[in-house]
Amino acid sequence: MTAEVLALALTLAVHIVGAFALIGVLVRNSGADVRDWWPGDDDGGPPPDDPQPQRPQPGGGGGVPLPDAQASPVRLREPGQISERYPRPARRPAHPPAPAPERQPEHG
């Protein structure tokens, strides 16, 4: 057996052992049984223990939209571009230019 084949076999073996260890930890910590992964009987079996949770009725305190929600000032379905609806930001802060220095006459 050459060194390349031995290196490939060792790499494959380490990956297989790691995969089995990862699957074992996931199954042990999830509380699920391996039999839960397979589909159940086709006859439907007994009904589930807990019924479906009731959906909250609209208009309650936690509904959508939220009570403090405001409509957007721009509608995306209207014709035109979004940039036309918003003012452009100022490029520079508005401040007066610095006064130019006065020139001194040359005495010569």
C-alpha atoms as a PDB file:
ATOM      1  CA  MET A   1       0.000   0.000   0.000  1.00  0.00           C
ATOM      2  CA  THR A   2       1.427   3.360  -0.990  1.00  0.00           C
ATOM      3  CA  ALA A   3       1.550   6.397   1.221  1.00  0.00           C
ATOM      4  CA  GLU A   4      -1.130   8.204  -0.828  1.00  0.00           C
ATOM      5  CA  VAL A   5      -3.642   5.342  -0.473  1.00  0.00           C
ATOM      6  CA  LEU A   6      -2.918   5.077   3.248  1.00  0.00           C
ATOM      7  CA  ALA A   7      -3.454   8.833   3.699  1.00  0.00           C
ATOM      8  CA  LEU A   8      -6.770   8.711   1.808  1.00  0.00           C
ATOM      9  CA  ALA A   9      -7.960   5.682   3.809  1.00  0.00           C
ATOM     10  CA  LEU A  10      -7.055   7.363   7.099  1.00  0.00           C
ATOM     11  CA  THR A  11      -8.851  10.570   6.062  1.00  0.00           C
ATOM     12  CA  LEU A  12     -11.968   8.609   5.061  1.00  0.00           C
ATOM     13  CA  ALA A  13     -11.940   6.662   8.328  1.00  0.00           C
ATOM     14  CA  VAL A  14     -11.681   9.842  10.423  1.00  0.00           C
ATOM     15  CA  HIS A  15     -14.604  11.416   8.530  1.00  0.00           C
ATOM     16  CA  ILE A  16     -16.785   8.333   8.997  1.00  0.00           C
ATOM     17  CA  VAL A  17     -16.050   8.163  12.740  1.00  0.00           C
ATOM     18  CA  GLY A  18     -16.778  11.894  13.052  1.00  0.00           C
ATOM     19  CA  ALA A  19     -20.082  11.562  11.169  1.00  0.00           C
ATOM     20  CA  PHE A  20     -21.236   8.742  13.440  1.00  0.00           C
ATOM     21  CA  ALA A  21     -20.218  10.704  16.536  1.00  0.00           C
ATOM     22  CA  LEU A  22     -22.111  13.780  15.327  1.00  0.00           C
ATOM     23  CA  ILE A  23     -25.255  11.794  14.549  1.00  0.00           C
ATOM     24  CA  GLY A  24     -25.041  10.050  17.927  1.00  0.00           C
ATOM     25  CA  VAL A  25     -24.792  13.341  19.828  1.00  0.00           C
ATOM     26  CA  LEU A  26     -27.674  14.866  17.860  1.00  0.00           C
ATOM     27  CA  VAL A  27     -29.951  11.890  18.473  1.00  0.00           C
ATOM     28  CA  ARG A  28     -29.071  11.626  22.158  1.00  0.00           C
ATOM     29  CA  ASN A  29     -29.625  15.349  22.874  1.00  0.00           C
ATOM     30  CA  SER A  30     -32.833  15.770  20.879  1.00  0.00           C
ATOM     31  CA  GLY A  31     -34.829  13.314  22.989  1.00  0.00           C
ATOM     32  CA  ALA A  32     -36.126  11.699  19.811  1.00  0.00           C
ATOM     33  CA  ASP A  33     -36.000   8.035  19.045  1.00  0.00           C
ATOM     34  CA  VAL A  34     -34.594   6.674  15.796  1.00  0.00           C
ATOM     35  CA  ARG A  35     -38.025   5.137  15.139  1.00  0.00           C
ATOM     36  CA  ASP A  36     -39.515   8.655  15.070  1.00  0.00           C
ATOM     37  CA  TRP A  37     -37.605   9.348  11.849  1.00  0.00           C
ATOM     38  CA  TRP A  38     -39.613   6.794   9.862  1.00  0.00           C
ATOM     39  CA  PRO A  39     -43.191   7.378   8.693  1.00  0.00           C
ATOM     40  CA  GLY A  40     -45.948   5.895  10.832  1.00  0.00           C
ATOM     41  CA  ASP A  41     -48.726   3.499   9.888  1.00  0.00           C
ATOM     42  CA  ASP A  42     -50.982   4.350   6.979  1.00  0.00           C
ATOM     43  CA  ASP A  43     -54.167   3.817   9.000  1.00  0.00           C
ATOM     44  CA  GLY A  44     -53.781   7.196  10.711  1.00  0.00           C
ATOM     45  CA  GLY A  45     -53.425   5.772  14.199  1.00  0.00           C
ATOM     46  CA  PRO A  46     -54.842   7.402  17.306  1.00  0.00           C
ATOM     47  CA  PRO A  47     -55.497  11.151  17.309  1.00  0.00           C
ATOM     48  CA  PRO A  48     -52.721  13.377  18.653  1.00  0.00           C
ATOM     49  CA  ASP A  49     -52.709  14.125  22.379  1.00  0.00           C
ATOM     50  CA  ASP A  50     -52.889  17.913  22.097  1.00  0.00           C
ATOM     51  CA  PRO A  51     -55.329  19.586  19.695  1.00  0.00           C
ATOM     52  CA  GLN A  52     -54.271  22.290  17.248  1.00  0.00           C
ATOM     53  CA  PRO A  53     -53.669  25.618  19.011  1.00  0.00           C
ATOM     54  CA  GLN A  54     -56.307  28.265  18.410  1.00  0.00           C
ATOM     55  CA  ARG A  55     -55.248  31.142  16.180  1.00  0.00           C
ATOM     56  CA  PRO A  56     -55.599  34.593  17.753  1.00  0.00           C
ATOM     57  CA  GLN A  57     -58.510  36.652  16.482  1.00  0.00           C
ATOM     58  CA  PRO A  58     -57.633  39.774  14.450  1.00  0.00           C
ATOM     59  CA  GLY A  59     -58.137  43.150  16.050  1.00  0.00           C
ATOM     60  CA  GLY A  60     -56.600  42.167  19.371  1.00  0.00           C
ATOM     61  CA  GLY A  61     -53.798  43.926  21.193  1.00  0.00           C
ATOM     62  CA  GLY A  62     -51.006  42.034  19.441  1.00  0.00           C
ATOM     63  CA  GLY A  63     -52.382  41.976  15.912  1.00  0.00           C
ATOM     64  CA  VAL A  64     -50.923  43.257  12.696  1.00  0.00           C
ATOM     65  CA  PRO A  65     -50.572  46.163  12.030  1.00  0.00           C
ATOM     66  CA  LEU A  66     -49.275  47.384  15.346  1.00  0.00           C
ATOM     67  CA  PRO A  67     -51.204  50.188  17.037  1.00  0.00           C
ATOM     68  CA  ASP A  68     -48.364  52.715  16.590  1.00  0.00           C
ATOM     69  CA  ALA A  69     -47.654  51.830  12.932  1.00  0.00           C
ATOM     70  CA  GLN A  70     -47.676  54.612  10.362  1.00  0.00           C
ATOM     71  CA  ALA A  71     -48.111  54.356   6.625  1.00  0.00           C
ATOM     72  CA  SER A  72     -45.076  54.903   4.443  1.00  0.00           C
ATOM     73  CA  PRO A  73     -44.931  58.277   2.666  1.00  0.00           C
ATOM     74  CA  VAL A  74     -43.954  56.523  -0.586  1.00  0.00           C
ATOM     75  CA  ARG A  75     -45.927  53.787  -2.309  1.00  0.00           C
ATOM     76  CA  LEU A  76     -43.843  51.396  -4.373  1.00  0.00           C
ATOM     77  CA  ARG A  77     -46.738  50.637  -6.714  1.00  0.00           C
ATOM     78  CA  GLU A  78     -47.105  54.210  -7.900  1.00  0.00           C
ATOM     79  CA  PRO A  79     -45.402  55.195 -11.151  1.00  0.00           C
ATOM     80  CA  GLY A  80     -42.066  56.959 -10.947  1.00  0.00           C
ATOM     81  CA  GLN A  81     -38.927  56.397  -8.956  1.00  0.00           C
ATOM     82  CA  ILE A  82     -38.608  56.315  -5.202  1.00  0.00           C
ATOM     83  CA  SER A  83     -35.818  58.910  -5.342  1.00  0.00           C
ATOM     84  CA  GLU A  84     -38.263  61.441  -6.812  1.00  0.00           C
ATOM     85  CA  ARG A  85     -40.375  61.256  -3.650  1.00  0.00           C
ATOM     86  CA  TYR A  86     -37.625  62.088  -1.160  1.00  0.00           C
ATOM     87  CA  PRO A  87     -35.637  65.341  -1.101  1.00  0.00           C
ATOM     88  CA  ARG A  88     -31.934  65.087  -1.812  1.00  0.00           C
ATOM     89  CA  PRO A  89     -29.712  65.590   1.234  1.00  0.00           C
ATOM     90  CA  ALA A  90     -27.495  68.665   1.393  1.00  0.00           C
ATOM     91  CA  ARG A  91     -24.000  67.954   0.177  1.00  0.00           C
ATOM     92  CA  ARG A  92     -22.257  70.328   2.559  1.00  0.00           C
ATOM     93  CA  PRO A  93     -23.335  72.119   5.678  1.00  0.00           C
ATOM     94  CA  ALA A  94     -24.478  75.675   5.055  1.00  0.00           C
ATOM     95  CA  HIS A  95     -21.851  78.040   6.461  1.00  0.00           C
ATOM     96  CA  PRO A  96     -20.436  81.288   5.124  1.00  0.00           C
ATOM     97  CA  PRO A  97     -17.037  81.110   3.424  1.00  0.00           C
ATOM     98  CA  ALA A  98     -14.027  82.333   5.351  1.00  0.00           C
ATOM     99  CA  PRO A  99     -13.041  85.931   4.493  1.00  0.00           C
ATOM    100  CA  ALA A 100     -10.099  86.290   2.130  1.00  0.00           C
ATOM    101  CA  PRO A 101      -6.955  87.721   3.749  1.00  0.00           C
ATOM    102  CA  GLU A 102      -6.153  91.299   2.869  1.00  0.00           C
ATOM    103  CA  ARG A 103      -2.986  91.870   0.834  1.00  0.00           C
ATOM    104  CA  GLN A 104      -0.314  94.099   2.206  1.00  0.00           C
ATOM    105  CA  PRO A 105       1.209  96.547  -0.275  1.00  0.00           C
ATOM    106  CA  GLU A 106       4.848  95.861  -1.034  1.00  0.00           C
ATOM    107  CA  HIS A 107       7.324  98.585  -0.107  1.00  0.00           C
ATOM    108  CA  GLY A 108      10.233  98.454  -2.276  1.00  0.00           C
END
